[in-house]
């Protein structure tokens, strides 16, 4: 969920998913978000750091995960009506990540720029592909990704990027491979190509 999405979309997504747990970056963010948009009773935060001396292996519960278990739910944009949740199993995400890695030649020395919003499936696919291959994730603020794509590609030495055609054309019509020399693969999607 993106707290910047319209309230109606957030409400639709939380209801469709049957959300029972909300995880936020801080107590305040998570509680305000839940109070404003969702009917979620259980709230957890990532803001509470684990003390460095804690043996995480002893404090975490272990749950066996099988390939057919639910991994995540991704929602359609809703442009043709109500957003619909698509349940993705662990096996499906793994198959996607392996196929993307093979098709786009992602290797341990690759650097995938996370150019999509974290709520869209290309973001999840890039993260999974990096985990499967040992590649690095190149990250920048959402504002920089949207307004300074060339700078992000160059400064983070990205080798792979997945974004919309409109976002890619923000580099300018005269841009060529020499302008972003380390980029080896550009994947475009999410909107009509013009």
N, C-alpha and C. Protein backbone atom coordinates (compact mmCIF):
# COMPACT_ATOMS: atom_id res chain seq x y z
N UNK A 1 0.83 -1.18 0.00
CA UNK A 1 0.00 0.00 0.00
C UNK A 1 0.88 1.24 0.00
N UNK A 2 0.45 2.20 -0.76
CA UNK A 2 1.17 3.47 -0.81
C UNK A 2 0.30 4.52 -0.15
N UNK A 3 0.82 5.12 0.91
CA UNK A 3 0.02 6.10 1.65
C UNK A 3 -0.31 7.33 0.81
N UNK A 4 0.33 7.48 -0.35
CA UNK A 4 0.03 8.61 -1.23
C UNK A 4 -1.07 8.30 -2.24
N UNK A 5 -1.53 7.04 -2.27
CA UNK A 5 -2.64 6.68 -3.15
C UNK A 5 -3.92 7.34 -2.66
N UNK A 6 -4.89 7.52 -3.55
CA UNK A 6 -6.19 8.08 -3.12
C UNK A 6 -6.83 7.19 -2.05
N UNK A 7 -7.48 7.80 -1.07
CA UNK A 7 -8.11 7.02 0.02
C UNK A 7 -9.05 5.92 -0.48
N UNK A 8 -9.80 6.17 -1.54
CA UNK A 8 -10.74 5.16 -2.05
C UNK A 8 -9.98 3.92 -2.53
N UNK A 9 -8.86 4.11 -3.22
CA UNK A 9 -8.08 2.96 -3.69
C UNK A 9 -7.53 2.18 -2.51
N UNK A 10 -7.02 2.86 -1.51
CA UNK A 10 -6.47 2.18 -0.34
C UNK A 10 -7.56 1.36 0.35
N UNK A 11 -8.72 1.94 0.49
CA UNK A 11 -9.85 1.23 1.11
C UNK A 11 -10.20 -0.01 0.29
N UNK A 12 -10.28 0.12 -1.04
CA UNK A 12 -10.59 -1.01 -1.90
C UNK A 12 -9.56 -2.13 -1.75
N UNK A 13 -8.30 -1.75 -1.72
CA UNK A 13 -7.24 -2.76 -1.64
C UNK A 13 -7.25 -3.48 -0.31
N UNK A 14 -7.44 -2.74 0.79
CA UNK A 14 -7.44 -3.39 2.10
C UNK A 14 -8.64 -4.30 2.26
N UNK A 15 -9.77 -3.90 1.71
CA UNK A 15 -10.97 -4.75 1.79
C UNK A 15 -10.81 -5.99 0.93
N UNK A 16 -10.34 -5.82 -0.31
CA UNK A 16 -10.16 -6.93 -1.24
C UNK A 16 -9.18 -7.96 -0.69
N UNK A 17 -8.10 -7.49 -0.06
CA UNK A 17 -7.06 -8.39 0.47
C UNK A 17 -7.46 -9.01 1.80
N UNK A 18 -8.49 -8.47 2.46
CA UNK A 18 -8.83 -8.97 3.79
C UNK A 18 -7.70 -8.71 4.76
N UNK A 19 -7.07 -7.55 4.63
CA UNK A 19 -5.88 -7.20 5.39
C UNK A 19 -6.11 -7.34 6.90
N UNK A 20 -5.23 -8.10 7.55
CA UNK A 20 -5.33 -8.31 8.99
C UNK A 20 -4.14 -7.73 9.74
N UNK A 21 -3.06 -7.45 9.03
CA UNK A 21 -1.85 -6.92 9.65
C UNK A 21 -1.31 -5.80 8.77
N UNK A 22 -0.97 -4.70 9.39
CA UNK A 22 -0.38 -3.56 8.69
C UNK A 22 1.03 -3.36 9.24
N UNK A 23 2.00 -3.32 8.34
CA UNK A 23 3.38 -3.09 8.73
C UNK A 23 3.77 -1.72 8.20
N UNK A 24 4.26 -0.85 9.08
CA UNK A 24 4.67 0.49 8.69
C UNK A 24 6.10 0.77 9.08
N UNK A 25 6.59 1.93 8.65
CA UNK A 25 7.98 2.31 8.94
C UNK A 25 8.15 2.82 10.37
N UNK A 26 7.09 3.36 10.96
CA UNK A 26 7.18 3.82 12.34
C UNK A 26 5.81 3.65 12.98
N UNK A 27 5.78 3.68 14.31
CA UNK A 27 4.50 3.56 15.01
C UNK A 27 3.51 4.61 14.54
N UNK A 28 3.97 5.84 14.44
CA UNK A 28 3.09 6.94 14.07
C UNK A 28 2.54 6.75 12.67
N UNK A 29 3.43 6.47 11.69
CA UNK A 29 2.98 6.27 10.31
C UNK A 29 1.96 5.15 10.22
N UNK A 30 2.28 4.01 10.82
CA UNK A 30 1.40 2.85 10.73
C UNK A 30 0.05 3.12 11.38
N UNK A 31 0.05 3.74 12.55
CA UNK A 31 -1.22 3.99 13.24
C UNK A 31 -2.06 5.03 12.52
N UNK A 32 -1.42 6.10 12.04
CA UNK A 32 -2.17 7.11 11.30
C UNK A 32 -2.75 6.53 10.02
N UNK A 33 -1.96 5.74 9.35
CA UNK A 33 -2.41 5.12 8.11
C UNK A 33 -3.60 4.21 8.38
N UNK A 34 -3.48 3.36 9.41
CA UNK A 34 -4.55 2.43 9.74
C UNK A 34 -5.81 3.17 10.17
N UNK A 35 -5.65 4.20 10.98
CA UNK A 35 -6.81 4.95 11.45
C UNK A 35 -7.51 5.70 10.33
N UNK A 36 -6.73 6.16 9.37
CA UNK A 36 -7.30 6.98 8.31
C UNK A 36 -7.92 6.16 7.18
N UNK A 37 -7.28 5.05 6.83
CA UNK A 37 -7.70 4.34 5.63
C UNK A 37 -8.19 2.92 5.82
N UNK A 38 -7.73 2.24 6.81
CA UNK A 38 -7.99 0.81 6.88
C UNK A 38 -8.67 0.44 8.19
N UNK A 39 -9.31 -0.70 8.16
CA UNK A 39 -9.95 -1.22 9.36
C UNK A 39 -9.08 -2.31 9.97
N UNK A 40 -7.78 -2.11 9.92
CA UNK A 40 -6.81 -3.10 10.39
C UNK A 40 -6.60 -2.93 11.89
N UNK A 41 -6.67 -4.03 12.61
CA UNK A 41 -6.50 -3.99 14.05
C UNK A 41 -5.07 -4.26 14.49
N UNK A 42 -4.35 -5.08 13.74
CA UNK A 42 -2.99 -5.46 14.11
C UNK A 42 -1.98 -4.60 13.36
N UNK A 43 -1.11 -3.94 14.11
CA UNK A 43 -0.13 -3.03 13.52
C UNK A 43 1.27 -3.42 13.99
N UNK A 44 2.18 -3.55 13.06
CA UNK A 44 3.59 -3.80 13.37
C UNK A 44 4.41 -2.72 12.70
N UNK A 45 5.57 -2.43 13.25
CA UNK A 45 6.40 -1.39 12.65
C UNK A 45 7.81 -1.90 12.39
N UNK A 46 8.42 -1.30 11.39
CA UNK A 46 9.81 -1.60 11.09
C UNK A 46 10.72 -0.60 11.79
N UNK A 47 10.14 0.39 12.44
CA UNK A 47 10.91 1.43 13.12
C UNK A 47 11.61 0.94 14.37
N UNK A 48 11.11 -0.13 14.95
CA UNK A 48 11.72 -0.66 16.17
C UNK A 48 12.88 -1.58 15.77
N UNK A 49 14.08 -1.11 15.94
CA UNK A 49 15.27 -1.86 15.53
C UNK A 49 15.55 -3.00 16.51
N UNK A 50 16.09 -4.07 16.00
CA UNK A 50 16.52 -5.19 16.83
C UNK A 50 17.87 -4.82 17.42
N UNK A 51 18.01 -4.90 18.75
CA UNK A 51 19.31 -4.56 19.35
C UNK A 51 20.43 -5.39 18.73
N UNK A 52 21.61 -4.79 18.52
CA UNK A 52 22.70 -5.50 17.84
C UNK A 52 23.15 -6.76 18.55
N UNK A 53 22.90 -6.87 19.84
CA UNK A 53 23.36 -8.06 20.57
C UNK A 53 22.32 -9.17 20.53
N UNK A 54 21.17 -8.93 19.95
CA UNK A 54 20.13 -9.94 19.90
C UNK A 54 20.49 -11.04 18.92
N UNK A 55 20.33 -12.27 19.34
CA UNK A 55 20.53 -13.40 18.45
C UNK A 55 19.21 -13.62 17.73
N UNK A 56 19.12 -13.12 16.49
CA UNK A 56 17.86 -13.16 15.76
C UNK A 56 17.37 -14.58 15.60
N UNK A 57 18.25 -15.52 15.41
CA UNK A 57 17.84 -16.91 15.25
C UNK A 57 17.06 -17.44 16.44
N UNK A 58 17.33 -16.93 17.62
CA UNK A 58 16.63 -17.41 18.81
C UNK A 58 15.35 -16.64 19.07
N UNK A 59 15.22 -15.43 18.50
CA UNK A 59 14.03 -14.63 18.79
C UNK A 59 12.96 -14.75 17.71
N UNK A 60 13.30 -15.27 16.56
CA UNK A 60 12.35 -15.37 15.46
C UNK A 60 11.69 -16.74 15.45
N UNK A 61 10.41 -16.77 15.16
CA UNK A 61 9.75 -18.06 14.98
C UNK A 61 10.02 -18.52 13.55
N UNK A 62 10.06 -19.79 13.33
CA UNK A 62 10.33 -20.33 12.01
C UNK A 62 9.07 -20.97 11.47
N UNK A 63 8.77 -20.67 10.25
CA UNK A 63 7.59 -21.21 9.59
C UNK A 63 8.04 -21.80 8.26
N UNK A 64 7.72 -23.05 8.05
CA UNK A 64 8.04 -23.69 6.78
C UNK A 64 7.20 -23.06 5.69
N UNK A 65 7.85 -22.69 4.61
CA UNK A 65 7.16 -22.11 3.47
C UNK A 65 7.28 -23.08 2.32
N UNK A 66 6.15 -23.40 1.72
CA UNK A 66 6.18 -24.30 0.56
C UNK A 66 5.96 -23.51 -0.72
N UNK A 67 6.35 -24.07 -1.85
CA UNK A 67 6.23 -23.34 -3.11
C UNK A 67 4.82 -22.86 -3.42
N UNK A 68 3.81 -23.57 -2.96
CA UNK A 68 2.43 -23.20 -3.24
C UNK A 68 1.84 -22.20 -2.27
N UNK A 69 2.60 -21.78 -1.26
CA UNK A 69 2.10 -20.79 -0.30
C UNK A 69 2.03 -19.41 -0.93
N UNK A 70 1.11 -18.62 -0.43
CA UNK A 70 0.96 -17.24 -0.88
C UNK A 70 2.23 -16.44 -0.55
N UNK A 71 2.75 -15.76 -1.54
CA UNK A 71 3.93 -14.91 -1.35
C UNK A 71 3.49 -13.47 -1.14
N UNK A 72 2.66 -12.97 -2.05
CA UNK A 72 2.16 -11.60 -1.94
C UNK A 72 0.94 -11.45 -2.83
N UNK A 73 0.25 -10.33 -2.66
CA UNK A 73 -0.89 -9.98 -3.52
C UNK A 73 -0.54 -8.69 -4.21
N UNK A 74 -0.64 -8.68 -5.52
CA UNK A 74 -0.42 -7.46 -6.28
C UNK A 74 -1.75 -7.06 -6.91
N UNK A 75 -2.02 -5.77 -6.93
CA UNK A 75 -3.30 -5.29 -7.43
C UNK A 75 -3.14 -4.64 -8.79
N UNK A 76 -4.15 -4.88 -9.65
CA UNK A 76 -4.19 -4.20 -10.94
C UNK A 76 -4.42 -2.72 -10.69
N UNK A 77 -4.17 -1.91 -11.71
CA UNK A 77 -4.29 -0.46 -11.55
C UNK A 77 -5.74 -0.02 -11.35
N UNK A 78 -6.68 -0.82 -11.84
CA UNK A 78 -8.07 -0.43 -11.71
C UNK A 78 -8.54 0.51 -12.80
N UNK A 79 -7.75 0.67 -13.86
CA UNK A 79 -8.13 1.62 -14.92
C UNK A 79 -9.38 1.17 -15.67
N UNK A 80 -9.68 -0.12 -15.65
CA UNK A 80 -10.88 -0.60 -16.32
C UNK A 80 -12.01 -0.86 -15.33
N UNK A 81 -11.89 -0.38 -14.13
CA UNK A 81 -12.90 -0.62 -13.10
C UNK A 81 -12.26 -0.73 -11.74
N UNK A 82 -12.71 -1.67 -10.96
CA UNK A 82 -12.20 -1.88 -9.61
C UNK A 82 -10.87 -2.63 -9.64
N UNK A 83 -9.87 -2.19 -8.85
CA UNK A 83 -8.61 -2.94 -8.78
C UNK A 83 -8.86 -4.37 -8.32
N UNK A 84 -8.16 -5.31 -8.93
CA UNK A 84 -8.33 -6.72 -8.57
C UNK A 84 -7.01 -7.25 -8.02
N UNK A 85 -7.13 -8.00 -6.95
CA UNK A 85 -5.95 -8.60 -6.34
C UNK A 85 -5.57 -9.88 -7.04
N UNK A 86 -4.28 -10.04 -7.32
CA UNK A 86 -3.75 -11.26 -7.94
C UNK A 86 -2.84 -11.92 -6.91
N UNK A 87 -3.24 -13.11 -6.47
CA UNK A 87 -2.45 -13.84 -5.48
C UNK A 87 -1.26 -14.50 -6.17
N UNK A 88 -0.07 -14.25 -5.68
CA UNK A 88 1.15 -14.80 -6.27
C UNK A 88 1.78 -15.78 -5.29
N UNK A 89 1.98 -17.01 -5.75
CA UNK A 89 2.62 -18.02 -4.92
C UNK A 89 4.14 -17.88 -4.99
N UNK A 90 4.81 -18.45 -4.01
CA UNK A 90 6.28 -18.42 -3.98
C UNK A 90 6.87 -19.03 -5.26
N UNK A 91 6.30 -20.15 -5.71
CA UNK A 91 6.84 -20.81 -6.91
C UNK A 91 6.73 -19.91 -8.14
N UNK A 92 5.66 -19.12 -8.22
CA UNK A 92 5.47 -18.24 -9.38
C UNK A 92 6.48 -17.10 -9.38
N UNK A 93 6.71 -16.51 -8.20
CA UNK A 93 7.70 -15.42 -8.13
C UNK A 93 9.10 -15.95 -8.44
N UNK A 94 9.42 -17.14 -7.94
CA UNK A 94 10.72 -17.73 -8.23
C UNK A 94 10.88 -18.01 -9.72
N UNK A 95 9.85 -18.57 -10.35
CA UNK A 95 9.92 -18.85 -11.79
C UNK A 95 10.09 -17.56 -12.58
N UNK A 96 9.37 -16.52 -12.18
CA UNK A 96 9.49 -15.22 -12.85
C UNK A 96 10.92 -14.68 -12.72
N UNK A 97 11.44 -14.71 -11.50
CA UNK A 97 12.78 -14.16 -11.25
C UNK A 97 13.84 -14.92 -12.05
N UNK A 98 13.73 -16.24 -12.12
CA UNK A 98 14.69 -17.03 -12.89
C UNK A 98 14.58 -16.72 -14.38
N UNK A 99 13.35 -16.59 -14.88
CA UNK A 99 13.15 -16.29 -16.30
C UNK A 99 13.67 -14.89 -16.64
N UNK A 100 13.40 -13.93 -15.78
CA UNK A 100 13.88 -12.56 -16.00
C UNK A 100 15.41 -12.54 -16.00
N UNK A 101 16.00 -13.24 -15.07
CA UNK A 101 17.46 -13.29 -14.98
C UNK A 101 18.06 -13.87 -16.26
N UNK A 102 17.47 -14.94 -16.76
CA UNK A 102 17.99 -15.57 -17.97
C UNK A 102 17.76 -14.68 -19.19
N UNK A 103 16.55 -14.14 -19.32
CA UNK A 103 16.20 -13.33 -20.48
C UNK A 103 17.00 -12.03 -20.55
N UNK A 104 17.26 -11.42 -19.39
CA UNK A 104 17.92 -10.12 -19.36
C UNK A 104 19.40 -10.21 -18.95
N UNK A 105 19.92 -11.41 -18.89
CA UNK A 105 21.34 -11.64 -18.53
C UNK A 105 21.72 -10.95 -17.22
N UNK A 106 20.92 -11.17 -16.20
CA UNK A 106 21.22 -10.62 -14.88
C UNK A 106 22.19 -11.57 -14.19
N UNK A 107 23.30 -11.04 -13.71
CA UNK A 107 24.37 -11.83 -13.09
C UNK A 107 24.77 -11.19 -11.76
N UNK A 108 25.61 -11.86 -10.98
CA UNK A 108 26.00 -11.29 -9.69
C UNK A 108 26.61 -9.89 -9.78
N UNK A 109 27.26 -9.56 -10.87
CA UNK A 109 27.85 -8.22 -11.00
C UNK A 109 26.86 -7.17 -11.51
N UNK A 110 25.64 -7.57 -11.81
CA UNK A 110 24.61 -6.63 -12.30
C UNK A 110 24.11 -5.71 -11.19
N UNK A 111 23.62 -4.54 -11.59
CA UNK A 111 23.02 -3.58 -10.66
C UNK A 111 21.67 -3.16 -11.22
N UNK A 112 20.59 -3.61 -10.58
CA UNK A 112 19.24 -3.34 -11.05
C UNK A 112 18.71 -2.07 -10.39
N UNK A 113 18.40 -1.06 -11.20
CA UNK A 113 17.83 0.17 -10.67
C UNK A 113 16.37 -0.05 -10.36
N UNK A 114 15.98 0.18 -9.11
CA UNK A 114 14.57 0.06 -8.72
C UNK A 114 13.85 1.34 -9.14
N UNK A 115 13.38 1.35 -10.39
CA UNK A 115 12.77 2.55 -10.96
C UNK A 115 11.25 2.57 -10.80
N UNK A 116 10.65 1.41 -10.54
CA UNK A 116 9.19 1.34 -10.37
C UNK A 116 8.81 1.67 -8.93
N UNK A 117 7.58 2.11 -8.75
CA UNK A 117 7.06 2.32 -7.40
C UNK A 117 7.00 0.96 -6.69
N UNK A 118 7.21 0.95 -5.39
CA UNK A 118 7.28 -0.31 -4.66
C UNK A 118 5.95 -1.07 -4.67
N UNK A 119 4.87 -0.41 -5.05
CA UNK A 119 3.56 -1.06 -5.08
C UNK A 119 3.29 -1.77 -6.41
N UNK A 120 4.19 -1.65 -7.38
CA UNK A 120 3.98 -2.28 -8.68
C UNK A 120 4.81 -3.55 -8.81
N UNK A 121 4.28 -4.52 -9.57
CA UNK A 121 4.95 -5.81 -9.67
C UNK A 121 6.35 -5.78 -10.27
N UNK A 122 6.71 -4.84 -11.17
CA UNK A 122 8.11 -4.83 -11.64
C UNK A 122 9.11 -4.62 -10.50
N UNK A 123 8.74 -3.85 -9.49
CA UNK A 123 9.62 -3.63 -8.33
C UNK A 123 9.87 -4.96 -7.63
N UNK A 124 8.79 -5.68 -7.37
CA UNK A 124 8.91 -6.97 -6.69
C UNK A 124 9.74 -7.94 -7.53
N UNK A 125 9.51 -7.91 -8.84
CA UNK A 125 10.28 -8.77 -9.75
C UNK A 125 11.76 -8.45 -9.74
N UNK A 126 12.10 -7.15 -9.71
CA UNK A 126 13.51 -6.76 -9.66
C UNK A 126 14.17 -7.23 -8.36
N UNK A 127 13.47 -7.06 -7.25
CA UNK A 127 14.02 -7.50 -5.96
C UNK A 127 14.23 -9.01 -5.96
N UNK A 128 13.23 -9.76 -6.42
CA UNK A 128 13.34 -11.22 -6.44
C UNK A 128 14.48 -11.67 -7.37
N UNK A 129 14.62 -11.01 -8.51
CA UNK A 129 15.67 -11.36 -9.46
C UNK A 129 17.05 -11.11 -8.86
N UNK A 130 17.19 -10.01 -8.14
CA UNK A 130 18.47 -9.74 -7.47
C UNK A 130 18.76 -10.81 -6.40
N UNK A 131 17.75 -11.22 -5.67
CA UNK A 131 17.95 -12.25 -4.65
C UNK A 131 18.35 -13.59 -5.28
N UNK A 132 17.75 -13.93 -6.39
CA UNK A 132 18.03 -15.20 -7.06
C UNK A 132 19.43 -15.23 -7.67
N UNK A 133 19.88 -14.09 -8.19
CA UNK A 133 21.16 -14.04 -8.91
C UNK A 133 22.33 -13.53 -8.10
N UNK A 134 22.05 -12.89 -6.97
CA UNK A 134 23.12 -12.27 -6.21
C UNK A 134 23.49 -10.89 -6.74
N UNK A 135 22.66 -10.35 -7.63
CA UNK A 135 22.90 -9.00 -8.17
C UNK A 135 22.64 -7.95 -7.10
N UNK A 136 23.07 -6.73 -7.37
CA UNK A 136 22.84 -5.62 -6.44
C UNK A 136 21.60 -4.83 -6.86
N UNK A 137 20.95 -4.24 -5.88
CA UNK A 137 19.83 -3.34 -6.14
C UNK A 137 20.34 -1.91 -6.03
N UNK A 138 20.10 -1.11 -7.05
CA UNK A 138 20.48 0.30 -7.05
C UNK A 138 19.24 1.10 -6.68
N UNK A 139 19.34 1.83 -5.57
CA UNK A 139 18.16 2.52 -5.05
C UNK A 139 18.41 4.01 -4.92
N UNK A 140 17.36 4.78 -5.21
CA UNK A 140 17.39 6.23 -5.04
C UNK A 140 16.01 6.64 -4.55
N UNK A 141 15.89 7.87 -4.10
CA UNK A 141 14.59 8.34 -3.64
C UNK A 141 13.61 8.34 -4.81
N UNK A 142 12.34 8.19 -4.51
CA UNK A 142 11.32 8.18 -5.56
C UNK A 142 11.36 9.49 -6.36
N UNK A 143 11.58 10.60 -5.66
CA UNK A 143 11.66 11.90 -6.33
C UNK A 143 12.79 11.95 -7.33
N UNK A 144 13.97 11.44 -6.94
CA UNK A 144 15.11 11.43 -7.86
C UNK A 144 14.86 10.50 -9.05
N UNK A 145 14.28 9.34 -8.79
CA UNK A 145 13.99 8.41 -9.88
C UNK A 145 13.08 9.09 -10.91
N UNK A 146 12.08 9.82 -10.43
CA UNK A 146 11.11 10.44 -11.34
C UNK A 146 11.65 11.67 -12.06
N UNK A 147 12.55 12.40 -11.44
CA UNK A 147 12.99 13.67 -12.03
C UNK A 147 14.45 13.67 -12.51
N UNK A 148 15.23 12.70 -12.07
CA UNK A 148 16.66 12.68 -12.42
C UNK A 148 17.09 11.27 -12.82
N UNK A 149 16.35 10.67 -13.75
CA UNK A 149 16.62 9.28 -14.12
C UNK A 149 18.05 9.10 -14.63
N UNK A 150 18.51 9.97 -15.51
CA UNK A 150 19.87 9.86 -16.04
C UNK A 150 20.90 9.90 -14.90
N UNK A 151 20.73 10.85 -14.00
CA UNK A 151 21.65 10.98 -12.86
C UNK A 151 21.66 9.68 -12.04
N UNK A 152 20.48 9.12 -11.80
CA UNK A 152 20.40 7.88 -11.02
C UNK A 152 21.12 6.74 -11.74
N UNK A 153 20.87 6.60 -13.04
CA UNK A 153 21.52 5.54 -13.82
C UNK A 153 23.04 5.67 -13.77
N UNK A 154 23.53 6.90 -13.93
CA UNK A 154 24.97 7.13 -13.95
C UNK A 154 25.61 7.00 -12.58
N UNK A 155 25.04 7.68 -11.60
CA UNK A 155 25.67 7.71 -10.28
C UNK A 155 25.61 6.35 -9.58
N UNK A 156 24.56 5.57 -9.86
CA UNK A 156 24.44 4.25 -9.24
C UNK A 156 25.04 3.14 -10.11
N UNK A 157 25.54 3.55 -11.29
CA UNK A 157 26.16 2.62 -12.23
C UNK A 157 25.24 1.44 -12.54
N UNK A 158 23.98 1.75 -12.78
CA UNK A 158 22.98 0.73 -13.06
C UNK A 158 23.26 0.02 -14.38
N UNK A 159 23.06 -1.29 -14.38
CA UNK A 159 23.21 -2.06 -15.60
C UNK A 159 21.86 -2.47 -16.18
N UNK A 160 20.82 -2.46 -15.35
CA UNK A 160 19.48 -2.87 -15.76
C UNK A 160 18.46 -1.89 -15.20
N UNK A 161 17.43 -1.61 -16.00
CA UNK A 161 16.35 -0.74 -15.53
C UNK A 161 15.05 -1.18 -16.18
N UNK A 162 13.98 -1.16 -15.40
CA UNK A 162 12.64 -1.45 -15.88
C UNK A 162 11.77 -0.25 -15.51
N UNK A 163 11.18 0.38 -16.51
CA UNK A 163 10.34 1.55 -16.26
C UNK A 163 9.31 1.70 -17.37
N UNK A 164 8.49 2.71 -17.29
CA UNK A 164 7.51 2.96 -18.34
C UNK A 164 8.19 3.63 -19.54
N UNK A 165 7.61 3.50 -20.72
CA UNK A 165 8.18 4.19 -21.88
C UNK A 165 8.26 5.71 -21.66
N UNK A 166 7.23 6.29 -21.06
CA UNK A 166 7.25 7.74 -20.83
C UNK A 166 8.40 8.14 -19.91
N UNK A 167 8.64 7.33 -18.91
CA UNK A 167 9.74 7.62 -17.99
C UNK A 167 11.08 7.53 -18.72
N UNK A 168 11.24 6.50 -19.54
CA UNK A 168 12.49 6.33 -20.28
C UNK A 168 12.73 7.50 -21.23
N UNK A 169 11.67 7.99 -21.87
CA UNK A 169 11.85 9.09 -22.82
C UNK A 169 12.18 10.40 -22.11
N UNK A 170 12.08 10.43 -20.79
CA UNK A 170 12.48 11.64 -20.06
C UNK A 170 13.99 11.89 -20.21
N UNK A 171 14.72 10.88 -20.68
CA UNK A 171 16.15 11.06 -20.93
C UNK A 171 16.39 11.97 -22.14
N UNK A 172 15.38 12.10 -22.99
CA UNK A 172 15.50 12.95 -24.17
C UNK A 172 15.63 12.14 -25.44
N UNK A 173 15.09 12.66 -26.51
CA UNK A 173 15.09 11.95 -27.79
C UNK A 173 16.50 11.75 -28.35
N UNK A 174 17.40 12.65 -28.04
CA UNK A 174 18.76 12.54 -28.57
C UNK A 174 19.64 11.59 -27.76
N UNK A 175 19.11 11.07 -26.67
CA UNK A 175 19.90 10.18 -25.82
C UNK A 175 20.20 8.88 -26.54
N UNK A 176 21.37 8.37 -26.30
CA UNK A 176 21.77 7.10 -26.88
C UNK A 176 22.54 6.28 -25.86
N UNK A 177 23.00 5.10 -26.25
CA UNK A 177 23.72 4.22 -25.33
C UNK A 177 24.94 4.86 -24.69
N UNK A 178 25.59 5.80 -25.41
CA UNK A 178 26.78 6.44 -24.85
C UNK A 178 26.45 7.34 -23.66
N UNK A 179 25.19 7.78 -23.56
CA UNK A 179 24.78 8.65 -22.45
C UNK A 179 24.66 7.90 -21.13
N UNK A 180 24.37 6.62 -21.20
CA UNK A 180 24.27 5.77 -20.01
C UNK A 180 25.06 4.49 -20.30
N UNK A 181 26.38 4.59 -20.33
CA UNK A 181 27.23 3.51 -20.84
C UNK A 181 27.19 2.19 -20.09
N UNK A 182 26.82 2.20 -18.82
CA UNK A 182 26.82 0.92 -18.09
C UNK A 182 25.51 0.16 -18.22
N UNK A 183 24.47 0.81 -18.73
CA UNK A 183 23.17 0.15 -18.89
C UNK A 183 23.27 -0.90 -19.98
N UNK A 184 22.94 -2.14 -19.63
CA UNK A 184 22.99 -3.26 -20.56
C UNK A 184 21.60 -3.70 -21.01
N UNK A 185 20.59 -3.43 -20.18
CA UNK A 185 19.24 -3.89 -20.50
C UNK A 185 18.22 -2.86 -20.02
N UNK A 186 17.32 -2.48 -20.93
CA UNK A 186 16.21 -1.59 -20.61
C UNK A 186 14.93 -2.36 -20.90
N UNK A 187 14.09 -2.55 -19.90
CA UNK A 187 12.80 -3.21 -20.06
C UNK A 187 11.72 -2.15 -19.86
N UNK A 188 10.83 -2.04 -20.84
CA UNK A 188 9.78 -1.02 -20.79
C UNK A 188 8.42 -1.70 -20.72
N UNK A 189 7.52 -1.13 -19.92
CA UNK A 189 6.17 -1.69 -19.82
C UNK A 189 5.29 -0.81 -18.96
N UNK A 190 4.06 -1.27 -18.80
CA UNK A 190 3.12 -0.56 -17.93
C UNK A 190 2.26 0.46 -18.61
N UNK A 191 2.55 0.73 -19.89
CA UNK A 191 1.74 1.66 -20.66
C UNK A 191 2.00 1.43 -22.13
N UNK A 192 1.19 2.04 -22.96
CA UNK A 192 1.30 1.88 -24.41
C UNK A 192 2.60 2.50 -24.92
N UNK A 193 3.25 1.81 -25.83
CA UNK A 193 4.46 2.33 -26.46
C UNK A 193 4.03 3.26 -27.60
N UNK A 194 4.70 4.41 -27.70
CA UNK A 194 4.35 5.34 -28.80
C UNK A 194 5.56 5.56 -29.68
